[in-house]
Protein backbone atom coordinates (compact mmCIF):
# COMPACT_ATOMS: atom_id res chain seq x y z
CA MET A 1 -36.91 1.96 12.44
CA LEU A 2 -34.24 2.83 9.97
CA ASN A 3 -34.61 2.01 6.28
CA ARG A 4 -31.74 0.46 4.36
CA ARG A 5 -31.31 3.70 2.29
CA SER A 6 -31.06 6.25 5.12
CA PHE A 7 -29.06 4.02 7.29
CA ILE A 8 -26.34 3.95 4.62
CA ARG A 9 -26.63 7.63 3.52
CA ARG A 10 -26.05 8.82 7.09
CA SER A 11 -23.83 6.21 8.46
CA SER A 12 -21.64 5.12 5.62
CA LEU A 13 -18.89 7.73 5.04
CA ALA A 14 -15.42 7.63 3.43
CA GLY A 15 -12.53 7.95 5.72
CA ALA A 16 -12.42 7.35 9.54
CA PHE A 17 -16.08 8.57 10.31
CA LEU A 18 -17.78 7.02 13.25
CA LEU A 19 -21.54 6.76 14.16
CA THR A 20 -22.72 9.21 16.65
CA PRO A 21 -24.07 7.91 20.09
CA SER A 22 -27.69 8.72 18.92
CA TRP A 23 -27.05 6.42 15.89
CA MET A 24 -25.62 3.71 17.73
CA ARG A 25 -28.54 3.74 20.34
CA SER A 26 -31.08 3.50 17.32
CA LEU A 27 -29.02 0.48 15.80
CA GLN A 28 -29.07 -1.27 19.19
CA ALA A 29 -32.94 -0.67 19.72
CA GLY A 30 -33.62 -1.86 16.30
CA GLY A 31 -31.86 -5.13 16.97
CA LEU A 32 -29.31 -4.59 14.13
CA LYS A 33 -25.72 -5.73 14.14
CA THR A 34 -23.15 -3.28 12.81
CA LEU A 35 -20.95 -4.76 10.40
CA VAL A 36 -17.89 -2.06 9.89
CA ILE A 37 -16.27 -2.50 6.40
CA LEU A 38 -12.76 -0.74 6.32
CA HIS A 39 -11.07 -0.64 3.18
CA THR A 40 -7.93 0.65 1.18
CA ASN A 41 -6.93 0.68 -2.50
CA ASP A 42 -4.11 1.47 -4.52
CA ILE A 43 -1.55 1.36 -1.47
CA HIS A 44 1.40 1.43 -4.36
CA SER A 45 3.80 0.13 -1.64
CA HIS A 46 3.47 3.41 1.02
CA ILE A 47 4.20 1.88 4.05
CA ASP A 48 5.67 4.99 5.28
CA PRO A 49 3.94 8.20 5.19
CA PHE A 50 4.75 10.49 2.12
CA PRO A 51 8.07 12.58 2.78
CA ALA A 52 7.96 15.89 4.41
CA ASN A 53 9.11 17.72 1.42
CA ASP A 54 6.30 16.10 -0.74
CA PRO A 55 4.29 18.84 -2.60
CA LYS A 56 0.75 17.68 -2.01
CA PHE A 57 0.79 15.30 0.74
CA PRO A 58 3.65 15.96 3.23
CA ASN A 59 3.82 13.30 6.37
CA GLN A 60 0.50 11.83 5.57
CA GLY A 61 -0.60 8.55 4.48
CA GLY A 62 1.18 5.15 4.66
CA LEU A 63 0.06 1.87 5.85
CA ALA A 64 1.60 2.19 9.28
CA ARG A 65 -0.75 4.93 10.12
CA ILE A 66 -3.62 3.05 8.91
CA ALA A 67 -2.60 0.04 11.04
CA THR A 68 -3.01 2.43 14.15
CA LEU A 69 -6.37 3.45 13.06
CA VAL A 70 -7.63 -0.10 12.51
CA LYS A 71 -6.55 -1.07 15.76
CA GLU A 72 -8.35 1.49 17.26
CA ILE A 73 -11.55 1.02 15.47
CA ARG A 74 -11.39 -2.79 16.28
CA ALA A 75 -11.11 -2.14 19.97
CA SER A 76 -14.43 -0.40 19.83
CA GLU A 77 -16.31 -2.34 17.27
CA GLN A 78 -17.53 -6.19 17.52
CA HIS A 79 -17.96 -6.82 13.65
CA VAL A 80 -14.98 -5.50 11.63
CA ILE A 81 -13.31 -6.35 8.24
CA LEU A 82 -10.45 -5.09 6.41
CA LEU A 83 -10.21 -5.41 2.66
CA ASP A 84 -8.11 -3.94 -0.20
CA SER A 85 -8.75 -3.46 -3.72
CA GLY A 86 -5.70 -3.92 -5.30
CA ASP A 87 -2.47 -2.12 -6.51
CA ILE A 88 -0.66 -2.95 -3.30
CA PHE A 89 2.52 -3.10 -5.35
CA GLN A 90 4.89 -0.52 -7.08
CA GLY A 91 5.75 3.15 -5.85
CA THR A 92 8.27 3.17 -3.23
CA PRO A 93 11.80 1.57 -2.76
CA TYR A 94 10.26 -1.32 -0.43
CA PHE A 95 8.67 -2.64 -3.71
CA ASN A 96 12.02 -2.26 -5.51
CA ARG A 97 13.72 -3.81 -2.69
CA PHE A 98 11.59 -6.73 -1.59
CA GLY A 99 9.24 -7.33 -4.27
CA GLY A 100 6.33 -7.12 -2.20
CA LYS A 101 7.22 -8.95 0.70
CA ALA A 102 6.92 -5.99 3.08
CA GLU A 103 3.84 -5.02 1.97
CA TYR A 104 2.03 -8.29 2.11
CA GLU A 105 3.73 -9.19 5.58
CA LEU A 106 2.43 -5.67 6.90
CA MET A 107 -1.20 -6.23 5.57
CA SER A 108 -1.11 -9.85 6.99
CA SER A 109 -0.35 -8.39 10.51
CA MET A 110 -2.99 -5.93 10.36
CA GLY A 111 -5.40 -8.63 9.84
CA TYR A 112 -6.58 -7.86 6.12
CA VAL A 113 -9.19 -10.61 5.08
CA ALA A 114 -8.65 -10.26 1.32
CA SER A 115 -7.69 -8.25 -1.84
CA THR A 116 -7.87 -8.31 -5.53
CA PRO A 117 -4.90 -8.06 -7.83
CA GLY A 118 -4.69 -4.88 -9.52
CA ASN A 119 -2.75 -4.01 -12.87
CA HIS A 120 0.50 -3.05 -11.02
CA ASP A 121 0.54 -6.20 -8.79
CA PHE A 122 1.83 -7.91 -12.20
CA ASP A 123 4.80 -5.46 -12.34
CA ASN A 124 7.11 -8.32 -11.56
CA GLY A 125 5.21 -10.58 -13.76
CA ILE A 126 3.01 -13.52 -12.93
CA ASN A 127 6.27 -15.44 -11.37
CA GLY A 128 6.77 -12.41 -9.14
CA LEU A 129 3.20 -12.11 -8.05
CA ASP A 130 3.27 -16.02 -7.27
CA SER A 131 6.56 -15.79 -5.31
CA MET A 132 5.04 -13.17 -2.92
CA LEU A 133 1.73 -15.00 -2.33
CA PRO A 134 3.17 -16.93 0.61
CA TYR A 135 3.90 -13.96 2.46
CA ALA A 136 0.09 -12.97 2.24
CA ARG A 137 -1.92 -14.24 4.93
CA PHE A 138 -5.20 -13.22 3.29
CA GLN A 139 -7.05 -14.34 0.26
CA MET A 140 -6.44 -13.11 -3.20
CA LEU A 141 -9.58 -12.89 -5.03
CA ASN A 142 -10.48 -12.51 -8.90
CA ALA A 143 -13.67 -13.97 -10.78
CA ASN A 144 -13.07 -12.56 -14.28
CA TYR A 145 -9.39 -13.63 -14.74
CA ARG A 146 -8.71 -16.95 -15.84
CA PHE A 147 -5.27 -18.41 -14.49
CA GLU A 148 -5.58 -21.83 -15.46
CA ASN A 149 -2.59 -22.02 -17.80
CA THR A 150 -0.56 -19.91 -15.49
CA VAL A 151 1.43 -20.64 -11.84
CA LEU A 152 -1.48 -18.83 -10.22
CA ALA A 153 -3.98 -21.49 -11.14
CA GLY A 154 -5.91 -22.64 -8.01
CA LYS A 155 -4.10 -19.76 -5.93
CA ILE A 156 -6.51 -16.96 -6.61
CA LYS A 157 -10.19 -17.71 -6.08
CA PRO A 158 -13.12 -16.19 -7.68
CA SER A 159 -14.89 -15.59 -4.37
CA THR A 160 -14.98 -16.68 -0.74
CA VAL A 161 -17.07 -16.53 2.46
CA VAL A 162 -15.80 -15.62 6.01
CA ASP A 163 -17.60 -15.20 9.14
CA VAL A 164 -17.08 -11.89 10.86
CA ASN A 165 -18.17 -12.74 14.45
CA GLY A 166 -21.63 -14.09 13.43
CA ILE A 167 -22.03 -11.89 10.27
CA LYS A 168 -21.67 -14.06 7.10
CA VAL A 169 -19.85 -12.17 4.47
CA GLY A 170 -19.23 -12.97 0.83
CA LEU A 171 -16.35 -11.85 -0.88
CA VAL A 172 -15.67 -11.55 -4.83
CA GLY A 173 -13.08 -9.95 -6.82
CA VAL A 174 -12.89 -8.36 -10.36
CA GLY A 175 -10.22 -6.77 -12.28
CA ILE A 176 -9.41 -4.49 -15.18
CA GLU A 177 -8.61 -5.44 -18.78
CA LEU A 178 -4.82 -5.85 -18.59
CA ASP A 179 -4.25 -5.68 -22.42
CA GLY A 180 -2.48 -2.05 -22.76
CA LEU A 181 -1.82 -1.48 -18.96
CA VAL A 182 0.66 -4.47 -18.39
CA PRO A 183 3.18 -5.53 -20.68
CA PRO A 184 2.13 -9.17 -22.13
CA GLN A 185 5.08 -10.95 -21.24
CA LEU A 186 4.37 -10.07 -17.51
CA CYS A 187 0.77 -11.23 -17.71
CA LYS A 188 1.16 -14.10 -20.25
CA ASP A 189 -1.79 -16.68 -20.31
CA VAL A 190 -4.05 -14.53 -18.02
CA ILE A 191 -7.45 -14.25 -19.79
CA TYR A 192 -9.37 -11.44 -19.02
CA THR A 193 -13.58 -12.19 -19.35
CA ASP A 194 -16.46 -10.05 -18.52
CA PRO A 195 -16.36 -8.84 -15.12
CA VAL A 196 -20.43 -8.31 -14.79
CA ALA A 197 -20.96 -12.03 -15.92
CA ALA A 198 -18.40 -13.38 -13.72
CA ALA A 199 -19.08 -11.24 -10.52
CA ASN A 200 -22.94 -11.85 -10.87
CA ARG A 201 -22.37 -15.63 -11.23
CA GLU A 202 -20.51 -15.86 -7.90
CA ALA A 203 -22.50 -13.34 -6.13
CA GLU A 204 -25.59 -15.58 -6.80
CA ILE A 205 -23.94 -18.54 -5.21
CA LEU A 206 -22.78 -16.36 -2.12
CA LYS A 207 -26.20 -14.93 -1.60
CA LYS A 208 -28.44 -17.99 -2.56
CA GLU A 209 -26.30 -21.05 -1.59
CA HIS A 210 -24.24 -19.82 1.11
CA LYS A 211 -26.91 -17.54 2.42
CA CYS A 212 -24.51 -14.72 2.92
CA ASP A 213 -25.61 -11.60 5.05
CA VAL A 214 -23.89 -9.36 2.60
CA VAL A 215 -21.90 -9.51 -0.50
CA ILE A 216 -19.12 -7.38 -1.19
CA CYS A 217 -17.18 -6.95 -4.25
CA LEU A 218 -13.60 -5.90 -4.54
CA SER A 219 -13.16 -3.97 -7.85
CA HIS A 220 -10.21 -2.80 -9.65
CA LEU A 221 -11.96 -1.41 -12.50
CA GLY A 222 -12.02 2.15 -11.66
CA TYR A 223 -14.84 4.48 -10.53
CA ARG A 224 -15.77 6.34 -13.57
CA TYR A 225 -15.29 6.59 -17.17
CA ASP A 226 -17.08 9.04 -19.85
CA ASP A 227 -16.75 6.22 -22.46
CA LYS A 228 -18.33 2.74 -22.56
CA LYS A 229 -15.23 1.24 -20.65
CA ILE A 230 -16.77 -0.93 -17.76
CA ASP A 231 -16.36 1.08 -14.31
CA ASP A 232 -17.75 0.68 -11.00
CA ARG A 233 -20.88 2.89 -11.64
CA LYS A 234 -21.78 0.88 -14.89
CA PHE A 235 -20.89 -2.58 -13.13
CA ALA A 236 -23.20 -1.69 -10.05
CA ALA A 237 -25.99 -0.94 -12.41
CA ALA A 238 -25.51 -4.41 -14.32
CA SER A 239 -24.78 -6.30 -11.14
CA ARG A 240 -27.07 -8.63 -9.23
CA ASN A 241 -26.89 -10.04 -5.51
CA ILE A 242 -23.88 -7.53 -4.79
CA ASP A 243 -24.43 -5.18 -1.66
CA VAL A 244 -21.09 -3.31 -1.68
CA ILE A 245 -18.32 -2.39 -4.45
CA LEU A 246 -15.08 -1.26 -2.96
CA GLY A 247 -13.30 0.21 -5.77
CA GLY A 248 -9.77 1.01 -6.96
CA HIS A 249 -7.37 2.04 -10.12
CA THR A 250 -8.66 5.48 -10.43
CA HIS A 251 -7.25 6.86 -7.07
CA THR A 252 -10.69 8.41 -6.33
CA PHE A 253 -11.40 10.34 -3.15
CA MET A 254 -14.88 9.85 -2.64
CA PRO A 255 -16.41 12.38 -0.01
CA ALA A 256 -19.33 9.73 0.79
CA PRO A 257 -20.12 6.48 -0.80
CA GLU A 258 -22.53 6.38 -3.56
CA LEU A 259 -25.73 4.42 -4.20
CA ILE A 260 -26.51 2.78 -7.86
CA ALA A 261 -29.64 0.78 -8.58
CA ASN A 262 -28.60 -2.59 -9.85
CA ALA A 263 -30.20 -4.67 -12.61
CA ASP A 264 -33.02 -5.67 -10.02
CA GLY A 265 -33.75 -2.03 -8.63
CA LYS A 266 -31.83 -2.63 -5.62
CA GLU A 267 -29.33 -0.08 -4.17
CA VAL A 268 -25.61 -1.02 -4.43
CA VAL A 269 -23.00 1.01 -2.49
CA ILE A 270 -20.01 2.22 -4.18
CA ASN A 271 -17.01 3.53 -2.40
CA GLN A 272 -13.27 4.24 -2.92
CA ALA A 273 -10.82 5.51 -0.71
CA GLY A 274 -8.09 7.45 -2.64
CA TRP A 275 -4.52 5.83 -2.83
CA GLY A 276 -1.08 5.66 -0.85
CA GLY A 277 -2.77 5.00 2.44
CA LEU A 278 -4.07 8.64 2.53
CA ARG A 279 -7.39 7.62 3.58
CA LEU A 280 -9.03 4.66 5.33
CA GLY A 281 -12.51 3.77 3.66
CA ARG A 282 -15.25 2.99 6.30
CA ILE A 283 -18.79 1.74 5.79
CA ASN A 284 -21.05 0.93 8.63
CA MET A 285 -23.73 -1.57 7.66
CA GLY A 286 -26.93 -2.76 9.67
CA ILE A 287 -27.28 -6.53 9.39
CA ARG A 288 -30.51 -8.18 10.86
């Protein structure tokens, strides 16, 4: 029987990697369901591929191509969830012209379940973000921003529970300190609180009260910093009841997910999928 560590190490790879047939047979023999977690971050309004003359990524990336890949994976897998870790907005003329409507409508048609606001999602201010939310047929999540005195009050939840064809998945979101990243007039009255305390509080509810099979955190903190600033690695080490952290903000292309021991000595999976739709992150988790 596969233990959790060896299963994750060998089957949870960034990008569009699939389990080999031998591993699929092992899963079926062991009575495990496979939860396929697909994720993006820092799309930055890249609906289309990068232009042919781009010096780094010619004819690569874009949500349209991600959509095709997601459709193919859904056709072959039973338990698939599609998530995003923020900075959907800002980066191409789509945002300048439509203010986020095009991005949200495409992501809704792709079947995204949830995202968390990144700092650039405030680039048209709180009112701009609020005006786009009706086009998002997926849940916006953040546990450590307080929106009580803003138009976003009650519209962005700290956490939620979704059923993925019989697998109960808990989702929570956390975001980076906006001070210094977003002009004060654009995020006025949004109060930043400790993401560790906020996420742990929600994760305990998801795991113990809602009995979720897996708890996933959508993080727009950044993968790694050399100073004391909170990042996904520090966050994971201080976390409880969170199984997976899907990151954003630092545009990190991780060759494979990383395992970090949390505050209780249990392993947390961290992954991030670059930016601009250049990669679709994928983690396969065995669920009893």
